[in-house]
């Protein structure tokens, strides 16, 4: 597979993980607030607290999913090649 293959696979997994993280973030916001849309930073009608809370939830979910995806990809690469990716 090689390191180039690992990088290409990593990019594909990152895109898929990003989409999944976005869906999870929206779901968490819906469960927490009952609203279907998260507030955007440029929405004048939204309070700072709501905008920052939504951003914190999204950031935490994206960070968790990215770390899990990167770690799983590295472990799979190691299983296949016997080397840890750098």
PDB file of N, CA and C in Angstrom:
ATOM      1  N   UNK A   1       0.832  -1.186   0.000  1.00  0.00           N
ATOM      2  CA  UNK A   1       0.000   0.000   0.000  1.00  0.00           C
ATOM      3  C   UNK A   1       0.875   1.248   0.000  1.00  0.00           C
ATOM      4  N   UNK A   2       1.926   1.297   0.770  1.00  0.00           N
ATOM      5  CA  UNK A   2       2.846   2.430   0.772  1.00  0.00           C
ATOM      6  C   UNK A   2       2.285   3.630   1.491  1.00  0.00           C
ATOM      7  N   UNK A   3       3.188   4.547   1.804  1.00  0.00           N
ATOM      8  CA  UNK A   3       2.785   5.732   2.557  1.00  0.00           C
ATOM      9  C   UNK A   3       1.880   6.647   1.739  1.00  0.00           C
ATOM     10  N   UNK A   4       2.081   6.668   0.418  1.00  0.00           N
ATOM     11  CA  UNK A   4       1.205   7.470  -0.425  1.00  0.00           C
ATOM     12  C   UNK A   4      -0.217   6.916  -0.385  1.00  0.00           C
ATOM     13  N   UNK A   5      -0.333   5.598  -0.419  1.00  0.00           N
ATOM     14  CA  UNK A   5      -1.647   4.964  -0.310  1.00  0.00           C
ATOM     15  C   UNK A   5      -2.296   5.253   1.030  1.00  0.00           C
ATOM     16  N   UNK A   6      -1.478   5.265   2.083  1.00  0.00           N
ATOM     17  CA  UNK A   6      -1.997   5.578   3.420  1.00  0.00           C
ATOM     18  C   UNK A   6      -2.542   7.003   3.455  1.00  0.00           C
ATOM     19  N   UNK A   7      -1.806   7.933   2.856  1.00  0.00           N
ATOM     20  CA  UNK A   7      -2.252   9.331   2.830  1.00  0.00           C
ATOM     21  C   UNK A   7      -3.557   9.482   2.046  1.00  0.00           C
ATOM     22  N   UNK A   8      -3.654   8.813   0.898  1.00  0.00           N
ATOM     23  CA  UNK A   8      -4.872   8.894   0.081  1.00  0.00           C
ATOM     24  C   UNK A   8      -6.060   8.296   0.822  1.00  0.00           C
ATOM     25  N   UNK A   9      -5.858   7.148   1.432  1.00  0.00           N
ATOM     26  CA  UNK A   9      -6.923   6.521   2.212  1.00  0.00           C
ATOM     27  C   UNK A   9      -7.310   7.409   3.386  1.00  0.00           C
ATOM     28  N   UNK A  10      -6.315   8.032   4.013  1.00  0.00           N
ATOM     29  CA  UNK A  10      -6.578   8.926   5.140  1.00  0.00           C
ATOM     30  C   UNK A  10      -7.436  10.114   4.740  1.00  0.00           C
ATOM     31  N   UNK A  11      -7.175  10.665   3.552  1.00  0.00           N
ATOM     32  CA  UNK A  11      -7.984  11.791   3.077  1.00  0.00           C
ATOM     33  C   UNK A  11      -9.428  11.372   2.825  1.00  0.00           C
ATOM     34  N   UNK A  12      -9.606  10.209   2.221  1.00  0.00           N
ATOM     35  CA  UNK A  12     -10.959   9.713   1.972  1.00  0.00           C
ATOM     36  C   UNK A  12     -11.691   9.484   3.287  1.00  0.00           C
ATOM     37  N   UNK A  13     -11.020   8.855   4.236  1.00  0.00           N
ATOM     38  CA  UNK A  13     -11.642   8.608   5.537  1.00  0.00           C
ATOM     39  C   UNK A  13     -11.963   9.917   6.254  1.00  0.00           C
ATOM     40  N   UNK A  14     -11.119  10.924   6.097  1.00  0.00           N
ATOM     41  CA  UNK A  14     -11.366  12.225   6.723  1.00  0.00           C
ATOM     42  C   UNK A  14     -12.633  12.874   6.180  1.00  0.00           C
ATOM     43  N   UNK A  15     -12.835  12.773   4.883  1.00  0.00           N
ATOM     44  CA  UNK A  15     -14.045  13.343   4.282  1.00  0.00           C
ATOM     45  C   UNK A  15     -15.288  12.630   4.819  1.00  0.00           C
ATOM     46  N   UNK A  16     -15.235  11.310   4.853  1.00  0.00           N
ATOM     47  CA  UNK A  16     -16.372  10.542   5.359  1.00  0.00           C
ATOM     48  C   UNK A  16     -16.603  10.817   6.847  1.00  0.00           C
ATOM     49  N   UNK A  17     -15.510  10.900   7.604  1.00  0.00           N
ATOM     50  CA  UNK A  17     -15.628  11.181   9.037  1.00  0.00           C
ATOM     51  C   UNK A  17     -16.185  12.576   9.270  1.00  0.00           C
ATOM     52  N   UNK A  18     -15.792  13.538   8.451  1.00  0.00           N
ATOM     53  CA  UNK A  18     -16.326  14.889   8.574  1.00  0.00           C
ATOM     54  C   UNK A  18     -17.824  14.941   8.349  1.00  0.00           C
ATOM     55  N   UNK A  19     -18.285  14.200   7.356  1.00  0.00           N
ATOM     56  CA  UNK A  19     -19.729  14.144   7.095  1.00  0.00           C
ATOM     57  C   UNK A  19     -20.467  13.501   8.268  1.00  0.00           C
ATOM     58  N   UNK A  20     -19.903  12.436   8.799  1.00  0.00           N
ATOM     59  CA  UNK A  20     -20.522  11.762   9.946  1.00  0.00           C
ATOM     60  C   UNK A  20     -20.521  12.680  11.167  1.00  0.00           C
ATOM     61  N   UNK A  21     -19.425  13.387  11.397  1.00  0.00           N
ATOM     62  CA  UNK A  21     -19.331  14.291  12.537  1.00  0.00           C
ATOM     63  C   UNK A  21     -20.348  15.418  12.419  1.00  0.00           C
ATOM     64  N   UNK A  22     -20.546  15.938  11.216  1.00  0.00           N
ATOM     65  CA  UNK A  22     -21.545  16.977  11.012  1.00  0.00           C
ATOM     66  C   UNK A  22     -22.942  16.494  11.349  1.00  0.00           C
ATOM     67  N   UNK A  23     -23.255  15.277  10.953  1.00  0.00           N
ATOM     68  CA  UNK A  23     -24.570  14.706  11.248  1.00  0.00           C
ATOM     69  C   UNK A  23     -24.745  14.501  12.751  1.00  0.00           C
ATOM     70  N   UNK A  24     -23.706  14.024  13.416  1.00  0.00           N
ATOM     71  CA  UNK A  24     -23.779  13.806  14.863  1.00  0.00           C
ATOM     72  C   UNK A  24     -23.940  15.148  15.592  1.00  0.00           C
ATOM     73  N   UNK A  25     -23.202  16.166  15.157  1.00  0.00           N
ATOM     74  CA  UNK A  25     -23.301  17.488  15.781  1.00  0.00           C
ATOM     75  C   UNK A  25     -24.710  18.046  15.665  1.00  0.00           C
ATOM     76  N   UNK A  26     -25.292  17.943  14.485  1.00  0.00           N
ATOM     77  CA  UNK A  26     -26.660  18.434  14.291  1.00  0.00           C
ATOM     78  C   UNK A  26     -27.654  17.664  15.152  1.00  0.00           C
ATOM     79  N   UNK A  27     -27.438  16.358  15.250  1.00  0.00           N
ATOM     80  CA  UNK A  27     -28.325  15.521  16.077  1.00  0.00           C
ATOM     81  C   UNK A  27     -28.221  15.918  17.551  1.00  0.00           C
ATOM     82  N   UNK A  28     -26.996  16.133  18.043  1.00  0.00           N
ATOM     83  CA  UNK A  28     -26.814  16.552  19.429  1.00  0.00           C
ATOM     84  C   UNK A  28     -27.482  17.898  19.693  1.00  0.00           C
ATOM     85  N   UNK A  29     -27.349  18.823  18.749  1.00  0.00           N
ATOM     86  CA  UNK A  29     -27.991  20.119  18.908  1.00  0.00           C
ATOM     87  C   UNK A  29     -29.506  19.971  18.957  1.00  0.00           C
ATOM     88  N   UNK A  30     -30.045  19.126  18.091  1.00  0.00           N
ATOM     89  CA  UNK A  30     -31.492  18.890  18.054  1.00  0.00           C
ATOM     90  C   UNK A  30     -31.978  18.286  19.369  1.00  0.00           C
ATOM     91  N   UNK A  31     -31.232  17.323  19.905  1.00  0.00           N
ATOM     92  CA  UNK A  31     -31.606  16.687  21.175  1.00  0.00           C
ATOM     93  C   UNK A  31     -31.539  17.695  22.321  1.00  0.00           C
ATOM     94  N   UNK A  32     -30.484  18.528  22.314  1.00  0.00           N
ATOM     95  CA  UNK A  32     -30.281  19.479  23.404  1.00  0.00           C
ATOM     96  C   UNK A  32     -31.276  20.644  23.382  1.00  0.00           C
ATOM     97  N   UNK A  33     -31.650  21.082  22.170  1.00  0.00           N
ATOM     98  CA  UNK A  33     -32.467  22.299  22.065  1.00  0.00           C
ATOM     99  C   UNK A  33     -33.843  22.098  21.448  1.00  0.00           C
ATOM    100  N   UNK A  34     -34.027  20.999  20.734  1.00  0.00           N
ATOM    101  CA  UNK A  34     -35.276  20.790  20.018  1.00  0.00           C
ATOM    102  C   UNK A  34     -35.326  21.506  18.680  1.00  0.00           C
ATOM    103  N   UNK A  35     -34.257  22.201  18.319  1.00  0.00           N
ATOM    104  CA  UNK A  35     -34.192  22.934  17.053  1.00  0.00           C
ATOM    105  C   UNK A  35     -33.454  22.110  16.012  1.00  0.00           C
ATOM    106  N   UNK A  36     -33.893  22.210  14.760  1.00  0.00           N
ATOM    107  CA  UNK A  36     -33.291  21.424  13.683  1.00  0.00           C
ATOM    108  C   UNK A  36     -32.019  22.042  13.122  1.00  0.00           C
ATOM    109  N   UNK A  37     -31.865  23.347  13.220  1.00  0.00           N
ATOM    110  CA  UNK A  37     -30.692  24.016  12.668  1.00  0.00           C
ATOM    111  C   UNK A  37     -29.841  24.597  13.782  1.00  0.00           C
ATOM    112  N   UNK A  38     -28.528  24.444  13.640  1.00  0.00           N
ATOM    113  CA  UNK A  38     -27.626  25.076  14.599  1.00  0.00           C
ATOM    114  C   UNK A  38     -27.454  26.539  14.220  1.00  0.00           C
ATOM    115  N   UNK A  39     -27.272  27.403  15.212  1.00  0.00           N
ATOM    116  CA  UNK A  39     -27.107  28.814  14.894  1.00  0.00           C
ATOM    117  C   UNK A  39     -25.755  29.077  14.226  1.00  0.00           C
ATOM    118  N   UNK A  40     -25.737  30.023  13.320  1.00  0.00           N
ATOM    119  CA  UNK A  40     -24.486  30.398  12.671  1.00  0.00           C
ATOM    120  C   UNK A  40     -23.942  31.658  13.332  1.00  0.00           C
ATOM    121  N   UNK A  41     -22.660  31.856  13.209  1.00  0.00           N
ATOM    122  CA  UNK A  41     -22.005  32.997  13.845  1.00  0.00           C
ATOM    123  C   UNK A  41     -22.486  34.338  13.291  1.00  0.00           C
ATOM    124  N   UNK A  42     -22.966  34.343  12.074  1.00  0.00           N
ATOM    125  CA  UNK A  42     -23.390  35.600  11.455  1.00  0.00           C
ATOM    126  C   UNK A  42     -24.881  35.873  11.566  1.00  0.00           C
ATOM    127  N   UNK A  43     -25.606  35.013  12.254  1.00  0.00           N
ATOM    128  CA  UNK A  43     -27.045  35.220  12.449  1.00  0.00           C
ATOM    129  C   UNK A  43     -27.245  36.269  13.544  1.00  0.00           C
ATOM    130  N   UNK A  44     -27.693  37.435  13.159  1.00  0.00           N
ATOM    131  CA  UNK A  44     -27.848  38.561  14.091  1.00  0.00           C
ATOM    132  C   UNK A  44     -28.836  38.256  15.208  1.00  0.00           C
ATOM    133  N   UNK A  45     -29.799  37.379  14.966  1.00  0.00           N
ATOM    134  CA  UNK A  45     -30.833  37.081  15.948  1.00  0.00           C
ATOM    135  C   UNK A  45     -30.361  36.150  17.074  1.00  0.00           C
ATOM    136  N   UNK A  46     -29.218  35.522  16.898  1.00  0.00           N
ATOM    137  CA  UNK A  46     -28.724  34.551  17.886  1.00  0.00           C
ATOM    138  C   UNK A  46     -27.851  35.220  18.937  1.00  0.00           C
ATOM    139  N   UNK A  47     -27.987  34.768  20.164  1.00  0.00           N
ATOM    140  CA  UNK A  47     -27.155  35.274  21.258  1.00  0.00           C
ATOM    141  C   UNK A  47     -25.762  34.643  21.180  1.00  0.00           C
ATOM    142  N   UNK A  48     -24.778  35.344  21.729  1.00  0.00           N
ATOM    143  CA  UNK A  48     -23.413  34.839  21.754  1.00  0.00           C
ATOM    144  C   UNK A  48     -23.353  33.454  22.382  1.00  0.00           C
ATOM    145  N   UNK A  49     -24.037  33.269  23.481  1.00  0.00           N
ATOM    146  CA  UNK A  49     -23.966  31.991  24.201  1.00  0.00           C
ATOM    147  C   UNK A  49     -24.436  30.830  23.331  1.00  0.00           C
ATOM    148  N   UNK A  50     -25.493  31.023  22.590  1.00  0.00           N
ATOM    149  CA  UNK A  50     -26.006  29.947  21.730  1.00  0.00           C
ATOM    150  C   UNK A  50     -25.040  29.635  20.592  1.00  0.00           C
ATOM    151  N   UNK A  51     -24.500  30.673  19.976  1.00  0.00           N
ATOM    152  CA  UNK A  51     -23.564  30.486  18.870  1.00  0.00           C
ATOM    153  C   UNK A  51     -22.304  29.768  19.359  1.00  0.00           C
ATOM    154  N   UNK A  52     -21.770  30.209  20.486  1.00  0.00           N
ATOM    155  CA  UNK A  52     -20.548  29.598  21.009  1.00  0.00           C
ATOM    156  C   UNK A  52     -20.781  28.187  21.531  1.00  0.00           C
ATOM    157  N   UNK A  53     -21.943  27.946  22.107  1.00  0.00           N
ATOM    158  CA  UNK A  53     -22.270  26.586  22.561  1.00  0.00           C
ATOM    159  C   UNK A  53     -22.368  25.639  21.372  1.00  0.00           C
ATOM    160  N   UNK A  54     -23.033  26.068  20.324  1.00  0.00           N
ATOM    161  CA  UNK A  54     -23.135  25.233  19.118  1.00  0.00           C
ATOM    162  C   UNK A  54     -21.764  24.965  18.525  1.00  0.00           C
ATOM    163  N   UNK A  55     -20.905  25.977  18.497  1.00  0.00           N
ATOM    164  CA  UNK A  55     -19.550  25.814  17.956  1.00  0.00           C
ATOM    165  C   UNK A  55     -18.729  24.862  18.832  1.00  0.00           C
ATOM    166  N   UNK A  56     -18.890  24.947  20.137  1.00  0.00           N
ATOM    167  CA  UNK A  56     -18.156  24.053  21.045  1.00  0.00           C
ATOM    168  C   UNK A  56     -18.584  22.602  20.853  1.00  0.00           C
ATOM    169  N   UNK A  57     -19.870  22.369  20.698  1.00  0.00           N
ATOM    170  CA  UNK A  57     -20.366  21.008  20.459  1.00  0.00           C
ATOM    171  C   UNK A  57     -19.797  20.477  19.146  1.00  0.00           C
ATOM    172  N   UNK A  58     -19.883  21.298  18.105  1.00  0.00           N
ATOM    173  CA  UNK A  58     -19.377  20.883  16.797  1.00  0.00           C
ATOM    174  C   UNK A  58     -17.876  20.605  16.843  1.00  0.00           C
ATOM    175  N   UNK A  59     -17.127  21.469  17.497  1.00  0.00           N
ATOM    176  CA  UNK A  59     -15.682  21.292  17.598  1.00  0.00           C
ATOM    177  C   UNK A  59     -15.300  20.037  18.360  1.00  0.00           C
ATOM    178  N   UNK A  60     -15.999  19.773  19.453  1.00  0.00           N
ATOM    179  CA  UNK A  60     -15.708  18.576  20.243  1.00  0.00           C
ATOM    180  C   UNK A  60     -15.999  17.305  19.453  1.00  0.00           C
ATOM    181  N   UNK A  61     -17.121  17.281  18.755  1.00  0.00           N
ATOM    182  CA  UNK A  61     -17.479  16.103  17.963  1.00  0.00           C
ATOM    183  C   UNK A  61     -16.479  15.904  16.825  1.00  0.00           C
ATOM    184  N   UNK A  62     -16.142  16.978  16.115  1.00  0.00           N
ATOM    185  CA  UNK A  62     -15.188  16.856  15.007  1.00  0.00           C
ATOM    186  C   UNK A  62     -13.827  16.392  15.508  1.00  0.00           C
ATOM    187  N   UNK A  63     -13.359  16.937  16.628  1.00  0.00           N
ATOM    188  CA  UNK A  63     -12.078  16.535  17.191  1.00  0.00           C
ATOM    189  C   UNK A  63     -12.057  15.069  17.590  1.00  0.00           C
ATOM    190  N   UNK A  64     -13.119  14.626  18.213  1.00  0.00           N
ATOM    191  CA  UNK A  64     -13.222  13.223  18.631  1.00  0.00           C
ATOM    192  C   UNK A  64     -13.248  12.286  17.431  1.00  0.00           C
ATOM    193  N   UNK A  65     -14.058  12.606  16.444  1.00  0.00           N
ATOM    194  CA  UNK A  65     -14.169  11.755  15.256  1.00  0.00           C
ATOM    195  C   UNK A  65     -12.855  11.746  14.477  1.00  0.00           C
ATOM    196  N   UNK A  66     -12.199  12.896  14.351  1.00  0.00           N
ATOM    197  CA  UNK A  66     -10.919  12.951  13.636  1.00  0.00           C
ATOM    198  C   UNK A  66      -9.859  12.110  14.339  1.00  0.00           C
ATOM    199  N   UNK A  67      -9.754  12.244  15.648  1.00  0.00           N
ATOM    200  CA  UNK A  67      -8.765  11.466  16.397  1.00  0.00           C
ATOM    201  C   UNK A  67      -9.046   9.970  16.279  1.00  0.00           C
ATOM    202  N   UNK A  68     -10.305   9.577  16.388  1.00  0.00           N
ATOM    203  CA  UNK A  68     -10.662   8.158  16.278  1.00  0.00           C
ATOM    204  C   UNK A  68     -10.373   7.621  14.882  1.00  0.00           C
ATOM    205  N   UNK A  69     -10.679   8.406  13.864  1.00  0.00           N
ATOM    206  CA  UNK A  69     -10.432   7.993  12.484  1.00  0.00           C
ATOM    207  C   UNK A  69      -8.942   7.879  12.192  1.00  0.00           C
ATOM    208  N   UNK A  70      -8.178   8.883  12.623  1.00  0.00           N
ATOM    209  CA  UNK A  70      -6.724   8.855  12.407  1.00  0.00           C
ATOM    210  C   UNK A  70      -6.093   7.662  13.120  1.00  0.00           C
ATOM    211  N   UNK A  71      -6.504   7.423  14.337  1.00  0.00           N
ATOM    212  CA  UNK A  71      -5.932   6.317  15.108  1.00  0.00           C
ATOM    213  C   UNK A  71      -6.290   4.970  14.487  1.00  0.00           C
ATOM    214  N   UNK A  72      -7.542   4.802  14.100  1.00  0.00           N
ATOM    215  CA  UNK A  72      -7.970   3.545  13.482  1.00  0.00           C
ATOM    216  C   UNK A  72      -7.242   3.310  12.160  1.00  0.00           C
ATOM    217  N   UNK A  73      -7.062   4.369  11.370  1.00  0.00           N
ATOM    218  CA  UNK A  73      -6.331   4.243  10.111  1.00  0.00           C
ATOM    219  C   UNK A  73      -4.881   3.856  10.326  1.00  0.00           C
ATOM    220  N   UNK A  74      -4.244   4.449  11.332  1.00  0.00           N
ATOM    221  CA  UNK A  74      -2.849   4.123  11.627  1.00  0.00           C
ATOM    222  C   UNK A  74      -2.717   2.674  12.102  1.00  0.00           C
ATOM    223  N   UNK A  75      -3.637   2.231  12.939  1.00  0.00           N
ATOM    224  CA  UNK A  75      -3.596   0.846  13.415  1.00  0.00           C
ATOM    225  C   UNK A  75      -3.820  -0.135  12.262  1.00  0.00           C
ATOM    226  N   UNK A  76      -4.746   0.186  11.357  1.00  0.00           N
ATOM    227  CA  UNK A  76      -4.996  -0.685  10.205  1.00  0.00           C
ATOM    228  C   UNK A  76      -3.766  -0.729   9.297  1.00  0.00           C
ATOM    229  N   UNK A  77      -3.135   0.409   9.069  1.00  0.00           N
ATOM    230  CA  UNK A  77      -1.913   0.464   8.259  1.00  0.00           C
ATOM    231  C   UNK A  77      -0.825  -0.401   8.891  1.00  0.00           C
ATOM    232  N   UNK A  78      -0.700  -0.309  10.216  1.00  0.00           N
ATOM    233  CA  UNK A  78       0.306  -1.110  10.909  1.00  0.00           C
ATOM    234  C   UNK A  78       0.019  -2.612  10.763  1.00  0.00           C
ATOM    235  N   UNK A  79      -1.250  -2.993  10.858  1.00  0.00           N
ATOM    236  CA  UNK A  79      -1.602  -4.409  10.694  1.00  0.00           C
ATOM    237  C   UNK A  79      -1.254  -4.926   9.306  1.00  0.00           C
ATOM    238  N   UNK A  80      -1.470  -4.101   8.297  1.00  0.00           N
ATOM    239  CA  UNK A  80      -1.234  -4.509   6.909  1.00  0.00           C
ATOM    240  C   UNK A  80       0.253  -4.512   6.566  1.00  0.00           C
ATOM    241  N   UNK A  81       0.983  -3.471   7.008  1.00  0.00           N
ATOM    242  CA  UNK A  81       2.369  -3.311   6.574  1.00  0.00           C
ATOM    243  C   UNK A  81       3.401  -3.710   7.626  1.00  0.00           C
ATOM    244  N   UNK A  82       2.982  -3.762   8.882  1.00  0.00           N
ATOM    245  CA  UNK A  82       3.931  -4.039   9.961  1.00  0.00           C
ATOM    246  C   UNK A  82       4.679  -2.795  10.415  1.00  0.00           C
ATOM    247  N   UNK A  83       4.353  -1.638   9.837  1.00  0.00           N
ATOM    248  CA  UNK A  83       5.008  -0.376  10.190  1.00  0.00           C
ATOM    249  C   UNK A  83       3.970   0.633  10.667  1.00  0.00           C
ATOM    250  N   UNK A  84       4.390   1.453  11.611  1.00  0.00           N
ATOM    251  CA  UNK A  84       3.527   2.553  12.046  1.00  0.00           C
ATOM    252  C   UNK A  84       3.739   3.724  11.100  1.00  0.00           C
ATOM    253  N   UNK A  85       2.665   4.343  10.596  1.00  0.00           N
ATOM    254  CA  UNK A  85       2.839   5.460   9.658  1.00  0.00           C
ATOM    255  C   UNK A  85       3.411   6.679  10.378  1.00  0.00           C
ATOM    256  N   UNK A  86       4.233   7.430   9.668  1.00  0.00           N
ATOM    257  CA  UNK A  86       4.825   8.632  10.261  1.00  0.00           C
ATOM    258  C   UNK A  86       4.060   9.852   9.895  1.00  0.00           C
TER     259      UNK A  86
END
